[in-house]
Amino acid sequence: MNLERNLKTAITSGKVLFGSKEAEKSVKNKTAKMIVLASNFSNDFLENQRIAKVLEFPGDNLALGALCGKPFSISVVTIIDAGGSGILSR
């Protein structure tokens, strides 16, 4: 499966959150289904959590932000609802 294509589909048809603070909240609330981390992300909280699925995006935070269609860098994308994508089956 293509991570980039599935992530784009999840962003357009599902519910996703951007940023480490949002990811921390959703992990604490147990609403996060998957977390996608940029390759240059470093956060002790998220790395030490027991999340069902954590994927590392092959690019850095600038590339992840561009993939998400944002004009800024994004280090973490939290998948709450995958929508029509098959990203959770990875």
PDB file of N, CA and C in Angstrom:
ATOM      1  N   MET A   1       0.832  -1.187   0.000  1.00  0.00           N
ATOM      2  CA  MET A   1       0.000   0.000   0.000  1.00  0.00           C
ATOM      3  C   MET A   1       0.872   1.245   0.000  1.00  0.00           C
ATOM      4  N   ASN A   2       0.385   2.253  -0.619  1.00  0.00           N
ATOM      5  CA  ASN A   2       1.106   3.505  -0.739  1.00  0.00           C
ATOM      6  C   ASN A   2       0.724   4.420   0.430  1.00  0.00           C
ATOM      7  N   LEU A   3       1.676   4.687   1.318  1.00  0.00           N
ATOM      8  CA  LEU A   3       1.421   5.504   2.502  1.00  0.00           C
ATOM      9  C   LEU A   3       0.959   6.903   2.120  1.00  0.00           C
ATOM     10  N   GLU A   4       1.617   7.510   1.146  1.00  0.00           N
ATOM     11  CA  GLU A   4       1.265   8.877   0.770  1.00  0.00           C
ATOM     12  C   GLU A   4      -0.168   8.970   0.251  1.00  0.00           C
ATOM     13  N   ARG A   5      -0.540   8.048  -0.624  1.00  0.00           N
ATOM     14  CA  ARG A   5      -1.898   8.066  -1.186  1.00  0.00           C
ATOM     15  C   ARG A   5      -2.939   7.821  -0.098  1.00  0.00           C
ATOM     16  N   ASN A   6      -2.686   6.833   0.772  1.00  0.00           N
ATOM     17  CA  ASN A   6      -3.628   6.535   1.846  1.00  0.00           C
ATOM     18  C   ASN A   6      -3.743   7.684   2.839  1.00  0.00           C
ATOM     19  N   LEU A   7      -2.638   8.356   3.109  1.00  0.00           N
ATOM     20  CA  LEU A   7      -2.678   9.489   4.034  1.00  0.00           C
ATOM     21  C   LEU A   7      -3.477  10.645   3.450  1.00  0.00           C
ATOM     22  N   LYS A   8      -3.289  10.916   2.160  1.00  0.00           N
ATOM     23  CA  LYS A   8      -4.073  11.965   1.496  1.00  0.00           C
ATOM     24  C   LYS A   8      -5.564  11.643   1.535  1.00  0.00           C
ATOM     25  N   THR A   9      -5.906  10.385   1.295  1.00  0.00           N
ATOM     26  CA  THR A   9      -7.313   9.979   1.325  1.00  0.00           C
ATOM     27  C   THR A   9      -7.888  10.121   2.727  1.00  0.00           C
ATOM     28  N   ALA A  10      -7.127   9.745   3.739  1.00  0.00           N
ATOM     29  CA  ALA A  10      -7.589   9.881   5.124  1.00  0.00           C
ATOM     30  C   ALA A  10      -7.808  11.351   5.484  1.00  0.00           C
ATOM     31  N   ILE A  11      -6.951  12.223   4.977  1.00  0.00           N
ATOM     32  CA  ILE A  11      -7.082  13.652   5.266  1.00  0.00           C
ATOM     33  C   ILE A  11      -8.341  14.216   4.635  1.00  0.00           C
ATOM     34  N   THR A  12      -8.648  13.792   3.400  1.00  0.00           N
ATOM     35  CA  THR A  12      -9.805  14.349   2.704  1.00  0.00           C
ATOM     36  C   THR A  12     -11.125  13.695   3.103  1.00  0.00           C
ATOM     37  N   SER A  13     -11.110  12.408   3.461  1.00  0.00           N
ATOM     38  CA  SER A  13     -12.382  11.728   3.717  1.00  0.00           C
ATOM     39  C   SER A  13     -12.584  11.300   5.166  1.00  0.00           C
ATOM     40  N   GLY A  14     -11.565  11.388   5.991  1.00  0.00           N
ATOM     41  CA  GLY A  14     -11.685  10.957   7.383  1.00  0.00           C
ATOM     42  C   GLY A  14     -11.498  12.107   8.343  1.00  0.00           C
ATOM     43  N   LYS A  15     -11.049  11.778   9.534  1.00  0.00           N
ATOM     44  CA  LYS A  15     -10.773  12.795  10.545  1.00  0.00           C
ATOM     45  C   LYS A  15      -9.340  12.611  11.011  1.00  0.00           C
ATOM     46  N   VAL A  16      -8.532  13.657  10.813  1.00  0.00           N
ATOM     47  CA  VAL A  16      -7.133  13.631  11.229  1.00  0.00           C
ATOM     48  C   VAL A  16      -6.825  14.899  12.004  1.00  0.00           C
ATOM     49  N   LEU A  17      -5.825  14.803  12.859  1.00  0.00           N
ATOM     50  CA  LEU A  17      -5.350  15.949  13.624  1.00  0.00           C
ATOM     51  C   LEU A  17      -3.891  16.167  13.285  1.00  0.00           C
ATOM     52  N   PHE A  18      -3.461  17.417  13.338  1.00  0.00           N
ATOM     53  CA  PHE A  18      -2.088  17.762  13.015  1.00  0.00           C
ATOM     54  C   PHE A  18      -1.385  18.307  14.250  1.00  0.00           C
ATOM     55  N   GLY A  19      -0.151  17.869  14.463  1.00  0.00           N
ATOM     56  CA  GLY A  19       0.664  18.412  15.532  1.00  0.00           C
ATOM     57  C   GLY A  19       0.811  17.486  16.724  1.00  0.00           C
ATOM     58  N   SER A  20       1.897  17.687  17.454  1.00  0.00           N
ATOM     59  CA  SER A  20       2.205  16.810  18.584  1.00  0.00           C
ATOM     60  C   SER A  20       1.283  17.035  19.773  1.00  0.00           C
ATOM     61  N   LYS A  21       0.851  18.266  19.998  1.00  0.00           N
ATOM     62  CA  LYS A  21      -0.052  18.525  21.130  1.00  0.00           C
ATOM     63  C   LYS A  21      -1.399  17.841  20.922  1.00  0.00           C
ATOM     64  N   GLU A  22      -1.905  17.904  19.705  1.00  0.00           N
ATOM     65  CA  GLU A  22      -3.164  17.219  19.389  1.00  0.00           C
ATOM     66  C   GLU A  22      -2.996  15.706  19.502  1.00  0.00           C
ATOM     67  N   ALA A  23      -1.833  15.213  19.079  1.00  0.00           N
ATOM     68  CA  ALA A  23      -1.561  13.778  19.179  1.00  0.00           C
ATOM     69  C   ALA A  23      -1.525  13.335  20.635  1.00  0.00           C
ATOM     70  N   GLU A  24      -0.876  14.118  21.484  1.00  0.00           N
ATOM     71  CA  GLU A  24      -0.807  13.781  22.907  1.00  0.00           C
ATOM     72  C   GLU A  24      -2.197  13.729  23.528  1.00  0.00           C
ATOM     73  N   LYS A  25      -3.048  14.702  23.181  1.00  0.00           N
ATOM     74  CA  LYS A  25      -4.423  14.718  23.706  1.00  0.00           C
ATOM     75  C   LYS A  25      -5.196  13.478  23.258  1.00  0.00           C
ATOM     76  N   SER A  26      -5.074  13.135  21.974  1.00  0.00           N
ATOM     77  CA  SER A  26      -5.838  11.999  21.465  1.00  0.00           C
ATOM     78  C   SER A  26      -5.312  10.675  22.004  1.00  0.00           C
ATOM     79  N   VAL A  27      -4.026  10.588  22.295  1.00  0.00           N
ATOM     80  CA  VAL A  27      -3.471   9.380  22.912  1.00  0.00           C
ATOM     81  C   VAL A  27      -4.000   9.250  24.341  1.00  0.00           C
ATOM     82  N   LYS A  28      -4.010  10.346  25.064  1.00  0.00           N
ATOM     83  CA  LYS A  28      -4.521  10.315  26.442  1.00  0.00           C
ATOM     84  C   LYS A  28      -6.004   9.960  26.472  1.00  0.00           C
ATOM     85  N   ASN A  29      -6.762  10.472  25.484  1.00  0.00           N
ATOM     86  CA  ASN A  29      -8.203  10.193  25.407  1.00  0.00           C
ATOM     87  C   ASN A  29      -8.519   8.860  24.749  1.00  0.00           C
ATOM     88  N   LYS A  30      -7.492   8.184  24.223  1.00  0.00           N
ATOM     89  CA  LYS A  30      -7.624   6.896  23.549  1.00  0.00           C
ATOM     90  C   LYS A  30      -8.505   6.972  22.310  1.00  0.00           C
ATOM     91  N   THR A  31      -8.410   8.093  21.588  1.00  0.00           N
ATOM     92  CA  THR A  31      -9.153   8.232  20.341  1.00  0.00           C
ATOM     93  C   THR A  31      -8.259   8.047  19.115  1.00  0.00           C
ATOM     94  N   ALA A  32      -6.944   8.026  19.306  1.00  0.00           N
ATOM     95  CA  ALA A  32      -6.009   7.872  18.183  1.00  0.00           C
ATOM     96  C   ALA A  32      -5.999   6.427  17.707  1.00  0.00           C
ATOM     97  N   LYS A  33      -6.229   6.246  16.411  1.00  0.00           N
ATOM     98  CA  LYS A  33      -6.162   4.915  15.820  1.00  0.00           C
ATOM     99  C   LYS A  33      -4.766   4.647  15.255  1.00  0.00           C
ATOM    100  N   MET A  34      -4.114   5.709  14.768  1.00  0.00           N
ATOM    101  CA  MET A  34      -2.775   5.585  14.206  1.00  0.00           C
ATOM    102  C   MET A  34      -2.090   6.944  14.295  1.00  0.00           C
ATOM    103  N   ILE A  35      -0.790   6.898  14.437  1.00  0.00           N
ATOM    104  CA  ILE A  35       0.018   8.123  14.445  1.00  0.00           C
ATOM    105  C   ILE A  35       1.083   7.978  13.366  1.00  0.00           C
ATOM    106  N   VAL A  36       1.219   9.006  12.541  1.00  0.00           N
ATOM    107  CA  VAL A  36       2.248   9.043  11.509  1.00  0.00           C
ATOM    108  C   VAL A  36       3.245  10.121  11.913  1.00  0.00           C
ATOM    109  N   LEU A  37       4.504   9.724  12.073  1.00  0.00           N
ATOM    110  CA  LEU A  37       5.557  10.633  12.522  1.00  0.00           C
ATOM    111  C   LEU A  37       6.495  10.961  11.370  1.00  0.00           C
ATOM    112  N   ALA A  38       6.889  12.217  11.263  1.00  0.00           N
ATOM    113  CA  ALA A  38       7.919  12.601  10.302  1.00  0.00           C
ATOM    114  C   ALA A  38       9.235  11.960  10.724  1.00  0.00           C
ATOM    115  N   SER A  39      10.113  11.730   9.776  1.00  0.00           N
ATOM    116  CA  SER A  39      11.365  11.029  10.078  1.00  0.00           C
ATOM    117  C   SER A  39      12.252  11.801  11.050  1.00  0.00           C
ATOM    118  N   ASN A  40      12.107  13.120  11.109  1.00  0.00           N
ATOM    119  CA  ASN A  40      12.938  13.913  12.007  1.00  0.00           C
ATOM    120  C   ASN A  40      12.205  14.316  13.291  1.00  0.00           C
ATOM    121  N   PHE A  41      11.122  13.635  13.618  1.00  0.00           N
ATOM    122  CA  PHE A  41      10.353  13.947  14.826  1.00  0.00           C
ATOM    123  C   PHE A  41      10.977  13.288  16.043  1.00  0.00           C
ATOM    124  N   SER A  42      11.029  14.038  17.126  1.00  0.00           N
ATOM    125  CA  SER A  42      11.527  13.487  18.381  1.00  0.00           C
ATOM    126  C   SER A  42      10.684  14.042  19.519  1.00  0.00           C
ATOM    127  N   ASN A  43       9.913  13.169  20.145  1.00  0.00           N
ATOM    128  CA  ASN A  43       9.085  13.561  21.268  1.00  0.00           C
ATOM    129  C   ASN A  43       8.997  12.373  22.209  1.00  0.00           C
ATOM    130  N   ASP A  44       9.490  12.542  23.403  1.00  0.00           N
ATOM    131  CA  ASP A  44       9.524  11.447  24.364  1.00  0.00           C
ATOM    132  C   ASP A  44       8.139  10.927  24.713  1.00  0.00           C
ATOM    133  N   PHE A  45       7.151  11.811  24.803  1.00  0.00           N
ATOM    134  CA  PHE A  45       5.813  11.378  25.200  1.00  0.00           C
ATOM    135  C   PHE A  45       5.250  10.372  24.208  1.00  0.00           C
ATOM    136  N   LEU A  46       5.244  10.723  22.938  1.00  0.00           N
ATOM    137  CA  LEU A  46       4.649   9.847  21.927  1.00  0.00           C
ATOM    138  C   LEU A  46       5.462   8.582  21.712  1.00  0.00           C
ATOM    139  N   GLU A  47       6.774   8.680  21.835  1.00  0.00           N
ATOM    140  CA  GLU A  47       7.603   7.501  21.620  1.00  0.00           C
ATOM    141  C   GLU A  47       7.435   6.480  22.743  1.00  0.00           C
ATOM    142  N   ASN A  48       7.010   6.917  23.918  1.00  0.00           N
ATOM    143  CA  ASN A  48       6.867   6.013  25.052  1.00  0.00           C
ATOM    144  C   ASN A  48       5.441   5.515  25.257  1.00  0.00           C
ATOM    145  N   GLN A  49       4.516   5.929  24.421  1.00  0.00           N
ATOM    146  CA  GLN A  49       3.128   5.514  24.564  1.00  0.00           C
ATOM    147  C   GLN A  49       2.872   4.184  23.872  1.00  0.00           C
ATOM    148  N   ARG A  50       1.896   3.511  24.335  1.00  0.00           N
ATOM    149  CA  ARG A  50       1.477   2.250  23.712  1.00  0.00           C
ATOM    150  C   ARG A  50       0.312   2.564  22.777  1.00  0.00           C
ATOM    151  N   ILE A  51       0.648   2.839  21.548  1.00  0.00           N
ATOM    152  CA  ILE A  51      -0.349   3.143  20.528  1.00  0.00           C
ATOM    153  C   ILE A  51      -0.417   1.942  19.600  1.00  0.00           C
ATOM    154  N   ALA A  52      -1.607   1.598  19.175  1.00  0.00           N
ATOM    155  CA  ALA A  52      -1.768   0.420  18.332  1.00  0.00           C
ATOM    156  C   ALA A  52      -0.877   0.491  17.098  1.00  0.00           C
ATOM    157  N   LYS A  53      -0.864   1.607  16.415  1.00  0.00           N
ATOM    158  CA  LYS A  53      -0.087   1.699  15.188  1.00  0.00           C
ATOM    159  C   LYS A  53       0.633   3.042  15.122  1.00  0.00           C
ATOM    160  N   VAL A  54       1.920   2.966  14.931  1.00  0.00           N
ATOM    161  CA  VAL A  54       2.745   4.149  14.699  1.00  0.00           C
ATOM    162  C   VAL A  54       3.547   3.896  13.436  1.00  0.00           C
ATOM    163  N   LEU A  55       3.436   4.810  12.484  1.00  0.00           N
ATOM    164  CA  LEU A  55       4.193   4.707  11.234  1.00  0.00           C
ATOM    165  C   LEU A  55       5.161   5.866  11.143  1.00  0.00           C
ATOM    166  N   GLU A  56       6.306   5.608  10.551  1.00  0.00           N
ATOM    167  CA  GLU A  56       7.249   6.684  10.296  1.00  0.00           C
ATOM    168  C   GLU A  56       7.161   7.068   8.829  1.00  0.00           C
ATOM    169  N   PHE A  57       6.865   8.327   8.582  1.00  0.00           N
ATOM    170  CA  PHE A  57       6.835   8.872   7.231  1.00  0.00           C
ATOM    171  C   PHE A  57       8.271   8.982   6.747  1.00  0.00           C
ATOM    172  N   PRO A  58       8.563   8.581   5.515  1.00  0.00           N
ATOM    173  CA  PRO A  58       9.949   8.568   5.057  1.00  0.00           C
ATOM    174  C   PRO A  58      10.581   9.952   4.897  1.00  0.00           C
ATOM    175  N   GLY A  59       9.778  10.993   4.816  1.00  0.00           N
ATOM    176  CA  GLY A  59      10.315  12.342   4.652  1.00  0.00           C
ATOM    177  C   GLY A  59      10.325  13.111   5.962  1.00  0.00           C
ATOM    178  N   ASP A  60      10.883  14.306   5.913  1.00  0.00           N
ATOM    179  CA  ASP A  60      10.933  15.136   7.112  1.00  0.00           C
ATOM    180  C   ASP A  60       9.616  15.888   7.310  1.00  0.00           C
ATOM    181  N   ASN A  61       9.576  16.773   8.318  1.00  0.00           N
ATOM    182  CA  ASN A  61       8.337  17.478   8.645  1.00  0.00           C
ATOM    183  C   ASN A  61       7.896  18.444   7.543  1.00  0.00           C
ATOM    184  N   LEU A  62       8.822  18.978   6.769  1.00  0.00           N
ATOM    185  CA  LEU A  62       8.436  19.843   5.646  1.00  0.00           C
ATOM    186  C   LEU A  62       7.743  19.040   4.552  1.00  0.00           C
ATOM    187  N   ALA A  63       8.269  17.857   4.267  1.00  0.00           N
ATOM    188  CA  ALA A  63       7.653  16.997   3.253  1.00  0.00           C
ATOM    189  C   ALA A  63       6.283  16.508   3.704  1.00  0.00           C
ATOM    190  N   LEU A  64       6.135  16.206   4.992  1.00  0.00           N
ATOM    191  CA  LEU A  64       4.835  15.765   5.510  1.00  0.00           C
ATOM    192  C   LEU A  64       3.818  16.895   5.442  1.00  0.00           C
ATOM    193  N   GLY A  65       4.236  18.109   5.767  1.00  0.00           N
ATOM    194  CA  GLY A  65       3.346  19.264   5.655  1.00  0.00           C
ATOM    195  C   GLY A  65       2.891  19.492   4.219  1.00  0.00           C
ATOM    196  N   ALA A  66       3.812  19.356   3.270  1.00  0.00           N
ATOM    197  CA  ALA A  66       3.464  19.523   1.858  1.00  0.00           C
ATOM    198  C   ALA A  66       2.494  18.441   1.402  1.00  0.00           C
ATOM    199  N   LEU A  67       2.718  17.205   1.830  1.00  0.00           N
ATOM    200  CA  LEU A  67       1.815  16.113   1.472  1.00  0.00           C
ATOM    201  C   LEU A  67       0.412  16.365   2.005  1.00  0.00           C
ATOM    202  N   CYS A  68       0.329  16.950   3.190  1.00  0.00           N
ATOM    203  CA  CYS A  68      -0.969  17.234   3.806  1.00  0.00           C
ATOM    204  C   CYS A  68      -1.622  18.487   3.227  1.00  0.00           C
ATOM    205  N   GLY A  69      -0.931  19.171   2.322  1.00  0.00           N
ATOM    206  CA  GLY A  69      -1.495  20.362   1.704  1.00  0.00           C
ATOM    207  C   GLY A  69      -1.423  21.588   2.582  1.00  0.00           C
ATOM    208  N   LYS A  70      -0.501  21.605   3.519  1.00  0.00           N
ATOM    209  CA  LYS A  70      -0.359  22.722   4.443  1.00  0.00           C
ATOM    210  C   LYS A  70       0.882  23.535   4.080  1.00  0.00           C
ATOM    211  N   PRO A  71       0.831  24.859   4.268  1.00  0.00           N
ATOM    212  CA  PRO A  71       1.992  25.698   3.945  1.00  0.00           C
ATOM    213  C   PRO A  71       2.992  25.796   5.106  1.00  0.00           C
ATOM    214  N   PHE A  72       2.998  24.809   5.968  1.00  0.00           N
ATOM    215  CA  PHE A  72       3.905  24.793   7.113  1.00  0.00           C
ATOM    216  C   PHE A  72       4.312  23.354   7.393  1.00  0.00           C
ATOM    217  N   SER A  73       5.322  23.189   8.217  1.00  0.00           N
ATOM    218  CA  SER A  73       5.798  21.838   8.523  1.00  0.00           C
ATOM    219  C   SER A  73       4.863  21.151   9.512  1.00  0.00           C
ATOM    220  N   ILE A  74       4.749  19.841   9.375  1.00  0.00           N
ATOM    221  CA  ILE A  74       3.929  19.017  10.266  1.00  0.00           C
ATOM    222  C   ILE A  74       4.773  17.826  10.687  1.00  0.00           C
ATOM    223  N   SER A  75       4.919  17.643  11.982  1.00  0.00           N
ATOM    224  CA  SER A  75       5.731  16.535  12.495  1.00  0.00           C
ATOM    225  C   SER A  75       4.908  15.299  12.792  1.00  0.00           C
ATOM    226  N   VAL A  76       3.625  15.494  13.126  1.00  0.00           N
ATOM    227  CA  VAL A  76       2.774  14.378  13.539  1.00  0.00           C
ATOM    228  C   VAL A  76       1.393  14.528  12.923  1.00  0.00           C
ATOM    229  N   VAL A  77       0.886  13.427  12.376  1.00  0.00           N
ATOM    230  CA  VAL A  77      -0.501  13.351  11.912  1.00  0.00           C
ATOM    231  C   VAL A  77      -1.162  12.227  12.692  1.00  0.00           C
ATOM    232  N   THR A  78      -2.273  12.541  13.333  1.00  0.00           N
ATOM    233  CA  THR A  78      -3.016  11.556  14.115  1.00  0.00           C
ATOM    234  C   THR A  78      -4.271  11.172  13.350  1.00  0.00           C
ATOM    235  N   ILE A  79      -4.447   9.894  13.112  1.00  0.00           N
ATOM    236  CA  ILE A  79      -5.629   9.391  12.418  1.00  0.00           C
ATOM    237  C   ILE A  79      -6.671   9.030  13.472  1.00  0.00           C
ATOM    238  N   ILE A  80      -7.798   9.718  13.434  1.00  0.00           N
ATOM    239  CA  ILE A  80      -8.927   9.415  14.319  1.00  0.00           C
ATOM    240  C   ILE A  80      -9.910   8.518  13.571  1.00  0.00           C
ATOM    241  N   ASP A  81     -10.199   8.887  12.322  1.00  0.00           N
ATOM    242  CA  ASP A  81     -11.074   8.108  11.445  1.00  0.00           C
ATOM    243  C   ASP A  81     -10.403   8.061  10.083  1.00  0.00           C
ATOM    244  N   ALA A  82     -10.171   6.878   9.563  1.00  0.00           N
ATOM    245  CA  ALA A  82      -9.440   6.711   8.307  1.00  0.00           C
ATOM    246  C   ALA A  82     -10.263   7.048   7.076  1.00  0.00           C
ATOM    247  N   GLY A  83     -11.544   7.246   7.219  1.00  0.00           N
ATOM    248  CA  GLY A  83     -12.378   7.557   6.056  1.00  0.00           C
ATOM    249  C   GLY A  83     -12.337   6.434   5.044  1.00  0.00           C
ATOM    250  N   GLY A  84     -12.160   6.774   3.777  1.00  0.00           N
ATOM    251  CA  GLY A  84     -12.127   5.780   2.708  1.00  0.00           C
ATOM    252  C   GLY A  84     -10.747   5.209   2.431  1.00  0.00           C
ATOM    253  N   SER A  85      -9.773   5.556   3.245  1.00  0.00           N
ATOM    254  CA  SER A  85      -8.418   5.060   2.999  1.00  0.00           C
ATOM    255  C   SER A  85      -8.231   3.698   3.667  1.00  0.00           C
ATOM    256  N   GLY A  86      -7.215   2.990   3.229  1.00  0.00           N
ATOM    257  CA  GLY A  86      -6.889   1.714   3.838  1.00  0.00           C
ATOM    258  C   GLY A  86      -5.667   1.814   4.727  1.00  0.00           C
ATOM    259  N   ILE A  87      -5.426   2.993   5.277  1.00  0.00           N
ATOM    260  CA  ILE A  87      -4.204   3.229   6.026  1.00  0.00           C
ATOM    261  C   ILE A  87      -4.126   2.416   7.316  1.00  0.00           C
ATOM    262  N   LEU A  88      -5.254   2.107   7.912  1.00  0.00           N
ATOM    263  CA  LEU A  88      -5.238   1.344   9.167  1.00  0.00           C
ATOM    264  C   LEU A  88      -4.927  -0.132   8.959  1.00  0.00           C
ATOM    265  N   SER A  89      -4.990  -0.596   7.727  1.00  0.00           N
ATOM    266  CA  SER A  89      -4.698  -2.001   7.465  1.00  0.00           C
ATOM    267  C   SER A  89      -3.206  -2.236   7.204  1.00  0.00           C
ATOM    268  N   ARG A  90      -2.390  -1.226   7.367  1.00  0.00           N
ATOM    269  CA  ARG A  90      -0.934  -1.351   7.155  1.00  0.00           C
ATOM    270  C   ARG A  90      -0.315  -2.119   8.282  1.00  0.00           C
TER     271      ARG A  90
END
